[in-house]
């Protein structure tokens, strides 16, 4: 089974432009993320896939591997799908470019999902984190996921799911952590299938898989990491790095 990692990387970002090229402990955020992913030793290959000459040169000038996107893309999954279309691979794991604190244990859990899936019933796998803070549960920027008894995703939403009409039934809330592991065919299917209303409404790309009948295995992790979406996040990341 050939397993690679792809790190989609856009230069532009509405909340924090050029965030991937900001300094984190003496190196750029994207280079830190790339090096941390390589250092896990979990992958046959690791690539940054980008629409930016600046990010491309940053990786290759430091001895890394990068791919320039040919087309414009709305999301990281589309960017990855274009890049892997002609590659001889089985599984591709999407590591977010703005998460330099790569957690090896969580990535290993995602890989094990496919190694244990002899019948190939699982199209993709992703991570979820148990959350208890009410502000976070109610925050529309926090994507929540509900699962069945075998941890297959039922739905993702920015709303509170499940709705707590009855508060004393032992419901747990899970935040979706946007690290995905795909079978190659699943991500190619995603690339070719049009967006449907639920995904368009929620602006959550993995809903497209559910709308087309794909099966998403969710893996629980207790490692939240640090997503660098704002200058304040970067400041916090630099303190952690030290």
C-alpha atoms as a PDB file:
ATOM      1  CA  UNK A   1       0.000   0.000   0.000  1.00  0.00           C
ATOM      2  CA  UNK A   2       1.581   3.268  -1.136  1.00  0.00           C
ATOM      3  CA  UNK A   3       0.714   6.170   1.169  1.00  0.00           C
ATOM      4  CA  UNK A   4       1.667   9.797   0.540  1.00  0.00           C
ATOM      5  CA  UNK A   5       0.919  13.114   2.188  1.00  0.00           C
ATOM      6  CA  UNK A   6      -0.178  16.239   0.335  1.00  0.00           C
ATOM      7  CA  UNK A   7      -0.078  19.668   1.967  1.00  0.00           C
ATOM      8  CA  UNK A   8      -2.340  22.081   0.055  1.00  0.00           C
ATOM      9  CA  UNK A   9      -1.032  25.628   0.396  1.00  0.00           C
ATOM     10  CA  UNK A  10      -2.641  28.864  -0.783  1.00  0.00           C
ATOM     11  CA  UNK A  11      -0.724  32.127  -0.493  1.00  0.00           C
ATOM     12  CA  UNK A  12      -3.844  34.242  -0.112  1.00  0.00           C
ATOM     13  CA  UNK A  13      -5.985  33.956   3.027  1.00  0.00           C
ATOM     14  CA  UNK A  14      -8.857  36.270   3.862  1.00  0.00           C
ATOM     15  CA  UNK A  15      -8.238  36.467   7.616  1.00  0.00           C
ATOM     16  CA  UNK A  16      -4.420  36.389   7.554  1.00  0.00           C
ATOM     17  CA  UNK A  17      -2.830  37.041   4.130  1.00  0.00           C
ATOM     18  CA  UNK A  18       0.479  35.240   3.467  1.00  0.00           C
ATOM     19  CA  UNK A  19       0.179  33.385   6.775  1.00  0.00           C
ATOM     20  CA  UNK A  20       2.086  30.366   5.450  1.00  0.00           C
ATOM     21  CA  UNK A  21       5.137  32.532   4.798  1.00  0.00           C
ATOM     22  CA  UNK A  22       5.210  34.021   8.312  1.00  0.00           C
ATOM     23  CA  UNK A  23       8.134  33.296  10.622  1.00  0.00           C
ATOM     24  CA  UNK A  24       7.803  30.472  13.119  1.00  0.00           C
ATOM     25  CA  UNK A  25      10.950  29.923  15.152  1.00  0.00           C
ATOM     26  CA  UNK A  26      13.257  31.019  12.337  1.00  0.00           C
ATOM     27  CA  UNK A  27      11.520  29.213   9.460  1.00  0.00           C
ATOM     28  CA  UNK A  28       8.281  29.818   7.570  1.00  0.00           C
ATOM     29  CA  UNK A  29       5.059  28.175   8.704  1.00  0.00           C
ATOM     30  CA  UNK A  30       4.759  26.121   5.502  1.00  0.00           C
ATOM     31  CA  UNK A  31       8.350  24.880   5.725  1.00  0.00           C
ATOM     32  CA  UNK A  32       7.836  23.916   9.374  1.00  0.00           C
ATOM     33  CA  UNK A  33       4.697  21.988   8.393  1.00  0.00           C
ATOM     34  CA  UNK A  34       6.441  20.223   5.516  1.00  0.00           C
ATOM     35  CA  UNK A  35       9.452  19.242   7.632  1.00  0.00           C
ATOM     36  CA  UNK A  36       7.271  18.021  10.498  1.00  0.00           C
ATOM     37  CA  UNK A  37       5.239  15.855   8.114  1.00  0.00           C
ATOM     38  CA  UNK A  38       8.371  14.342   6.561  1.00  0.00           C
ATOM     39  CA  UNK A  39       9.811  13.731  10.043  1.00  0.00           C
ATOM     40  CA  UNK A  40       6.901  11.431  10.983  1.00  0.00           C
ATOM     41  CA  UNK A  41       8.391   8.796   8.626  1.00  0.00           C
ATOM     42  CA  UNK A  42       4.851   7.589   7.928  1.00  0.00           C
ATOM     43  CA  UNK A  43       4.762   8.387   4.214  1.00  0.00           C
ATOM     44  CA  UNK A  44       6.340   7.122   1.018  1.00  0.00           C
ATOM     45  CA  UNK A  45       6.430  10.736  -0.153  1.00  0.00           C
ATOM     46  CA  UNK A  46       5.386  14.224   0.983  1.00  0.00           C
ATOM     47  CA  UNK A  47       4.505  17.132  -1.323  1.00  0.00           C
ATOM     48  CA  UNK A  48       3.331  20.700  -0.920  1.00  0.00           C
ATOM     49  CA  UNK A  49       0.787  21.476  -3.641  1.00  0.00           C
ATOM     50  CA  UNK A  50       0.266  25.184  -4.247  1.00  0.00           C
ATOM     51  CA  UNK A  51      -0.873  27.952  -6.571  1.00  0.00           C
ATOM     52  CA  UNK A  52       1.936  30.237  -5.417  1.00  0.00           C
ATOM     53  CA  UNK A  53       5.409  30.657  -6.919  1.00  0.00           C
ATOM     54  CA  UNK A  54       6.553  32.042  -3.568  1.00  0.00           C
ATOM     55  CA  UNK A  55       5.480  28.939  -1.619  1.00  0.00           C
ATOM     56  CA  UNK A  56       6.748  26.603  -4.360  1.00  0.00           C
ATOM     57  CA  UNK A  57      10.215  28.184  -4.278  1.00  0.00           C
ATOM     58  CA  UNK A  58      10.247  28.202  -0.469  1.00  0.00           C
ATOM     59  CA  UNK A  59       9.873  24.417  -0.408  1.00  0.00           C
ATOM     60  CA  UNK A  60      12.128  23.409  -3.320  1.00  0.00           C
ATOM     61  CA  UNK A  61      14.870  25.875  -2.320  1.00  0.00           C
ATOM     62  CA  UNK A  62      15.057  24.049   1.010  1.00  0.00           C
ATOM     63  CA  UNK A  63      15.317  20.630  -0.624  1.00  0.00           C
ATOM     64  CA  UNK A  64      11.623  19.730  -0.403  1.00  0.00           C
ATOM     65  CA  UNK A  65       9.098  18.552  -2.975  1.00  0.00           C
ATOM     66  CA  UNK A  66       6.386  20.846  -4.308  1.00  0.00           C
ATOM     67  CA  UNK A  67       3.822  20.749  -7.126  1.00  0.00           C
ATOM     68  CA  UNK A  68       2.297  23.765  -8.860  1.00  0.00           C
ATOM     69  CA  UNK A  69      -1.441  23.555  -9.484  1.00  0.00           C
ATOM     70  CA  UNK A  70      -2.445  23.891 -13.106  1.00  0.00           C
ATOM     71  CA  UNK A  71      -6.018  25.058 -12.475  1.00  0.00           C
ATOM     72  CA  UNK A  72      -7.655  27.397  -9.979  1.00  0.00           C
ATOM     73  CA  UNK A  73      -9.269  25.512  -7.081  1.00  0.00           C
ATOM     74  CA  UNK A  74     -11.852  26.409  -4.440  1.00  0.00           C
ATOM     75  CA  UNK A  75     -10.681  23.884  -1.853  1.00  0.00           C
ATOM     76  CA  UNK A  76      -7.689  21.813  -0.808  1.00  0.00           C
ATOM     77  CA  UNK A  77      -9.274  18.512  -1.833  1.00  0.00           C
ATOM     78  CA  UNK A  78      -9.657  19.686  -5.442  1.00  0.00           C
ATOM     79  CA  UNK A  79      -6.048  20.875  -5.437  1.00  0.00           C
ATOM     80  CA  UNK A  80      -4.862  17.480  -4.177  1.00  0.00           C
ATOM     81  CA  UNK A  81      -7.045  15.546  -6.631  1.00  0.00           C
ATOM     82  CA  UNK A  82      -5.495  17.326  -9.599  1.00  0.00           C
ATOM     83  CA  UNK A  83      -2.009  16.585  -8.268  1.00  0.00           C
ATOM     84  CA  UNK A  84      -2.521  12.845  -7.615  1.00  0.00           C
ATOM     85  CA  UNK A  85      -4.588  11.986 -10.686  1.00  0.00           C
ATOM     86  CA  UNK A  86      -1.658  10.382 -12.546  1.00  0.00           C
ATOM     87  CA  UNK A  87       0.242   9.121  -9.488  1.00  0.00           C
ATOM     88  CA  UNK A  88       0.524   5.425  -8.639  1.00  0.00           C
ATOM     89  CA  UNK A  89      -0.696   5.629  -5.038  1.00  0.00           C
ATOM     90  CA  UNK A  90      -3.333   4.023  -2.823  1.00  0.00           C
ATOM     91  CA  UNK A  91      -3.889   6.503   0.029  1.00  0.00           C
ATOM     92  CA  UNK A  92      -3.286  10.254   0.270  1.00  0.00           C
ATOM     93  CA  UNK A  93      -3.407  12.148   3.547  1.00  0.00           C
ATOM     94  CA  UNK A  94      -4.182  15.844   3.519  1.00  0.00           C
ATOM     95  CA  UNK A  95      -2.139  17.706   6.137  1.00  0.00           C
ATOM     96  CA  UNK A  96      -3.173  21.332   6.589  1.00  0.00           C
ATOM     97  CA  UNK A  97      -0.435  23.807   5.674  1.00  0.00           C
ATOM     98  CA  UNK A  98      -1.258  26.050   8.634  1.00  0.00           C
ATOM     99  CA  UNK A  99      -0.784  23.282  11.242  1.00  0.00           C
ATOM    100  CA  UNK A 100       2.982  23.001  11.801  1.00  0.00           C
ATOM    101  CA  UNK A 101       2.595  20.964  14.993  1.00  0.00           C
ATOM    102  CA  UNK A 102       1.980  17.702  13.148  1.00  0.00           C
ATOM    103  CA  UNK A 103       0.806  14.942  15.449  1.00  0.00           C
ATOM    104  CA  UNK A 104       2.343  11.623  14.370  1.00  0.00           C
ATOM    105  CA  UNK A 105       0.084   9.471  16.567  1.00  0.00           C
ATOM    106  CA  UNK A 106      -3.103  10.873  15.013  1.00  0.00           C
ATOM    107  CA  UNK A 107      -1.806  10.450  11.462  1.00  0.00           C
ATOM    108  CA  UNK A 108      -0.815   6.873  12.272  1.00  0.00           C
ATOM    109  CA  UNK A 109      -4.375   6.158  13.467  1.00  0.00           C
ATOM    110  CA  UNK A 110      -5.725   7.333  10.102  1.00  0.00           C
ATOM    111  CA  UNK A 111      -3.344   5.063   8.222  1.00  0.00           C
ATOM    112  CA  UNK A 112      -4.322   2.075  10.387  1.00  0.00           C
ATOM    113  CA  UNK A 113      -7.964   2.576   9.365  1.00  0.00           C
ATOM    114  CA  UNK A 114      -7.097   1.588   5.802  1.00  0.00           C
ATOM    115  CA  UNK A 115      -4.674  -1.175   6.738  1.00  0.00           C
ATOM    116  CA  UNK A 116      -7.500  -2.807   8.715  1.00  0.00           C
ATOM    117  CA  UNK A 117     -10.103  -2.291   5.974  1.00  0.00           C
ATOM    118  CA  UNK A 118      -9.635  -5.496   3.942  1.00  0.00           C
ATOM    119  CA  UNK A 119     -12.994  -5.149   2.178  1.00  0.00           C
ATOM    120  CA  UNK A 120     -12.334  -1.513   1.230  1.00  0.00           C
ATOM    121  CA  UNK A 121     -15.586  -0.300   2.776  1.00  0.00           C
ATOM    122  CA  UNK A 122     -14.036   2.996   3.877  1.00  0.00           C
ATOM    123  CA  UNK A 123     -13.663   5.799   1.327  1.00  0.00           C
ATOM    124  CA  UNK A 124     -11.962   8.278   3.613  1.00  0.00           C
ATOM    125  CA  UNK A 125     -11.066   8.823   7.250  1.00  0.00           C
ATOM    126  CA  UNK A 126     -10.797  11.977   9.322  1.00  0.00           C
ATOM    127  CA  UNK A 127     -10.174  13.153  12.880  1.00  0.00           C
ATOM    128  CA  UNK A 128     -12.495  14.385  15.611  1.00  0.00           C
ATOM    129  CA  UNK A 129     -11.852  15.859  19.059  1.00  0.00           C
ATOM    130  CA  UNK A 130     -14.214  15.635  22.030  1.00  0.00           C
ATOM    131  CA  UNK A 131     -15.259  19.150  23.131  1.00  0.00           C
ATOM    132  CA  UNK A 132     -17.099  20.249  26.262  1.00  0.00           C
ATOM    133  CA  UNK A 133     -16.831  24.050  26.202  1.00  0.00           C
ATOM    134  CA  UNK A 134     -20.300  25.473  25.448  1.00  0.00           C
ATOM    135  CA  UNK A 135     -18.929  28.499  23.638  1.00  0.00           C
ATOM    136  CA  UNK A 136     -16.972  26.247  21.300  1.00  0.00           C
ATOM    137  CA  UNK A 137     -19.952  23.923  20.795  1.00  0.00           C
ATOM    138  CA  UNK A 138     -22.106  26.910  19.783  1.00  0.00           C
ATOM    139  CA  UNK A 139     -19.432  28.604  17.651  1.00  0.00           C
ATOM    140  CA  UNK A 140     -20.270  28.360  13.902  1.00  0.00           C
ATOM    141  CA  UNK A 141     -16.537  28.450  13.118  1.00  0.00           C
ATOM    142  CA  UNK A 142     -16.256  25.092  14.901  1.00  0.00           C
ATOM    143  CA  UNK A 143     -17.417  22.302  12.606  1.00  0.00           C
ATOM    144  CA  UNK A 144     -19.185  19.577  14.582  1.00  0.00           C
ATOM    145  CA  UNK A 145     -19.645  15.960  13.524  1.00  0.00           C
ATOM    146  CA  UNK A 146     -22.076  13.274  14.653  1.00  0.00           C
ATOM    147  CA  UNK A 147     -21.267   9.591  14.147  1.00  0.00           C
ATOM    148  CA  UNK A 148     -22.987   6.217  14.321  1.00  0.00           C
ATOM    149  CA  UNK A 149     -22.060   3.518  16.841  1.00  0.00           C
ATOM    150  CA  UNK A 150     -19.108   2.394  14.693  1.00  0.00           C
ATOM    151  CA  UNK A 151     -17.807   5.976  14.258  1.00  0.00           C
ATOM    152  CA  UNK A 152     -18.905   6.480  10.669  1.00  0.00           C
ATOM    153  CA  UNK A 153     -19.879  10.098  10.054  1.00  0.00           C
ATOM    154  CA  UNK A 154     -23.597  10.819   9.841  1.00  0.00           C
ATOM    155  CA  UNK A 155     -23.356  14.576   9.318  1.00  0.00           C
ATOM    156  CA  UNK A 156     -21.142  17.640   9.754  1.00  0.00           C
ATOM    157  CA  UNK A 157     -22.461  21.075  10.685  1.00  0.00           C
ATOM    158  CA  UNK A 158     -21.581  24.525  11.929  1.00  0.00           C
ATOM    159  CA  UNK A 159     -24.766  24.360  13.986  1.00  0.00           C
ATOM    160  CA  UNK A 160     -25.010  22.539  17.310  1.00  0.00           C
ATOM    161  CA  UNK A 161     -25.481  18.842  16.503  1.00  0.00           C
ATOM    162  CA  UNK A 162     -27.156  17.074  18.090  1.00  0.00           C
ATOM    163  CA  UNK A 163     -29.512  19.757  19.376  1.00  0.00           C
ATOM    164  CA  UNK A 164     -29.696  19.394  23.208  1.00  0.00           C
ATOM    165  CA  UNK A 165     -33.459  19.230  23.643  1.00  0.00           C
ATOM    166  CA  UNK A 166     -32.822  16.716  26.412  1.00  0.00           C
ATOM    167  CA  UNK A 167     -29.620  17.489  28.299  1.00  0.00           C
ATOM    168  CA  UNK A 168     -29.310  14.383  30.477  1.00  0.00           C
ATOM    169  CA  UNK A 169     -28.818  11.601  27.949  1.00  0.00           C
ATOM    170  CA  UNK A 170     -25.019  11.502  27.860  1.00  0.00           C
ATOM    171  CA  UNK A 171     -24.471  13.071  24.430  1.00  0.00           C
ATOM    172  CA  UNK A 172     -20.850  13.885  23.539  1.00  0.00           C
ATOM    173  CA  UNK A 173     -19.923  16.690  21.168  1.00  0.00           C
ATOM    174  CA  UNK A 174     -17.113  16.305  18.678  1.00  0.00           C
ATOM    175  CA  UNK A 175     -15.229  18.927  16.713  1.00  0.00           C
ATOM    176  CA  UNK A 176     -14.092  17.928  13.236  1.00  0.00           C
ATOM    177  CA  UNK A 177     -10.356  18.366  12.768  1.00  0.00           C
ATOM    178  CA  UNK A 178      -9.669  18.938   9.079  1.00  0.00           C
ATOM    179  CA  UNK A 179      -7.079  16.234   8.453  1.00  0.00           C
ATOM    180  CA  UNK A 180      -8.300  13.741   5.835  1.00  0.00           C
ATOM    181  CA  UNK A 181      -7.058  10.397   4.546  1.00  0.00           C
ATOM    182  CA  UNK A 182      -8.503   9.414   1.163  1.00  0.00           C
ATOM    183  CA  UNK A 183      -8.501   6.400  -1.048  1.00  0.00           C
ATOM    184  CA  UNK A 184      -7.271   7.723  -4.375  1.00  0.00           C
ATOM    185  CA  UNK A 185     -10.555   6.945  -6.152  1.00  0.00           C
ATOM    186  CA  UNK A 186     -12.590   8.750  -3.490  1.00  0.00           C
ATOM    187  CA  UNK A 187     -10.752  12.029  -3.947  1.00  0.00           C
ATOM    188  CA  UNK A 188     -10.884  11.739  -7.736  1.00  0.00           C
ATOM    189  CA  UNK A 189     -14.650  11.197  -7.476  1.00  0.00           C
ATOM    190  CA  UNK A 190     -14.903  14.292  -5.246  1.00  0.00           C
ATOM    191  CA  UNK A 191     -13.044  16.332  -7.856  1.00  0.00           C
ATOM    192  CA  UNK A 192     -15.490  15.370 -10.607  1.00  0.00           C
ATOM    193  CA  UNK A 193     -18.770  15.572  -8.673  1.00  0.00           C
ATOM    194  CA  UNK A 194     -20.636  18.900  -8.515  1.00  0.00           C
ATOM    195  CA  UNK A 195     -21.351  20.617  -5.233  1.00  0.00           C
ATOM    196  CA  UNK A 196     -24.836  19.937  -3.852  1.00  0.00           C
ATOM    197  CA  UNK A 197     -27.043  22.172  -1.658  1.00  0.00           C
ATOM    198  CA  UNK A 198     -25.993  20.893   1.781  1.00  0.00           C
ATOM    199  CA  UNK A 199     -22.298  21.511   1.133  1.00  0.00           C
ATOM    200  CA  UNK A 200     -23.087  24.880  -0.451  1.00  0.00           C
ATOM    201  CA  UNK A 201     -25.144  25.906   2.575  1.00  0.00           C
ATOM    202  CA  UNK A 202     -22.721  24.812   5.308  1.00  0.00           C
ATOM    203  CA  UNK A 203     -19.475  25.519   3.385  1.00  0.00           C
ATOM    204  CA  UNK A 204     -18.049  22.194   4.617  1.00  0.00           C
ATOM    205  CA  UNK A 205     -16.431  20.242   1.794  1.00  0.00           C
ATOM    206  CA  UNK A 206     -16.633  16.763   3.380  1.00  0.00           C
ATOM    207  CA  UNK A 207     -20.446  16.976   3.257  1.00  0.00           C
ATOM    208  CA  UNK A 208     -20.108  16.377  -0.494  1.00  0.00           C
ATOM    209  CA  UNK A 209     -18.861  12.856   0.237  1.00  0.00           C
ATOM    210  CA  UNK A 210     -21.894  12.107   2.399  1.00  0.00           C
ATOM    211  CA  UNK A 211     -24.307  13.548  -0.143  1.00  0.00           C
ATOM    212  CA  UNK A 212     -22.919  11.146  -2.754  1.00  0.00           C
ATOM    213  CA  UNK A 213     -22.981   8.116  -0.454  1.00  0.00           C
ATOM    214  CA  UNK A 214     -19.298   7.874   0.483  1.00  0.00           C
ATOM    215  CA  UNK A 215     -18.373   6.409   3.888  1.00  0.00           C
ATOM    216  CA  UNK A 216     -16.228   8.500   6.230  1.00  0.00           C
ATOM    217  CA  UNK A 217     -14.621   6.760   9.209  1.00  0.00           C
ATOM    218  CA  UNK A 218     -14.010   9.181  12.066  1.00  0.00           C
ATOM    219  CA  UNK A 219     -11.062   8.625  14.395  1.00  0.00           C
ATOM    220  CA  UNK A 220     -11.032  10.229  17.825  1.00  0.00           C
ATOM    221  CA  UNK A 221      -7.907  12.066  18.923  1.00  0.00           C
ATOM    222  CA  UNK A 222      -7.210  14.251  21.934  1.00  0.00           C
ATOM    223  CA  UNK A 223      -4.589  16.368  20.156  1.00  0.00           C
ATOM    224  CA  UNK A 224      -6.037  19.652  18.899  1.00  0.00           C
ATOM    225  CA  UNK A 225      -2.857  21.195  17.532  1.00  0.00           C
ATOM    226  CA  UNK A 226      -2.521  24.861  16.597  1.00  0.00           C
ATOM    227  CA  UNK A 227      -4.182  26.205  13.463  1.00  0.00           C
ATOM    228  CA  UNK A 228      -2.626  29.498  12.396  1.00  0.00           C
ATOM    229  CA  UNK A 229      -5.585  31.551  11.163  1.00  0.00           C
ATOM    230  CA  UNK A 230      -4.781  34.904  12.797  1.00  0.00           C
ATOM    231  CA  UNK A 231      -1.717  36.901  13.921  1.00  0.00           C
ATOM    232  CA  UNK A 232      -2.674  35.964  17.488  1.00  0.00           C
ATOM    233  CA  UNK A 233      -2.489  32.268  16.568  1.00  0.00           C
ATOM    234  CA  UNK A 234       0.996  32.844  15.151  1.00  0.00           C
ATOM    235  CA  UNK A 235       2.100  34.554  18.351  1.00  0.00           C
ATOM    236  CA  UNK A 236       0.804  31.607  20.368  1.00  0.00           C
ATOM    237  CA  UNK A 237       2.536  29.148  18.024  1.00  0.00           C
ATOM    238  CA  UNK A 238       5.863  30.947  18.408  1.00  0.00           C
ATOM    239  CA  UNK A 239       5.579  30.701  22.190  1.00  0.00           C
ATOM    240  CA  UNK A 240       4.844  26.981  21.910  1.00  0.00           C
ATOM    241  CA  UNK A 241       7.756  26.478  19.529  1.00  0.00           C
ATOM    242  CA  UNK A 242      10.158  28.011  22.027  1.00  0.00           C
END
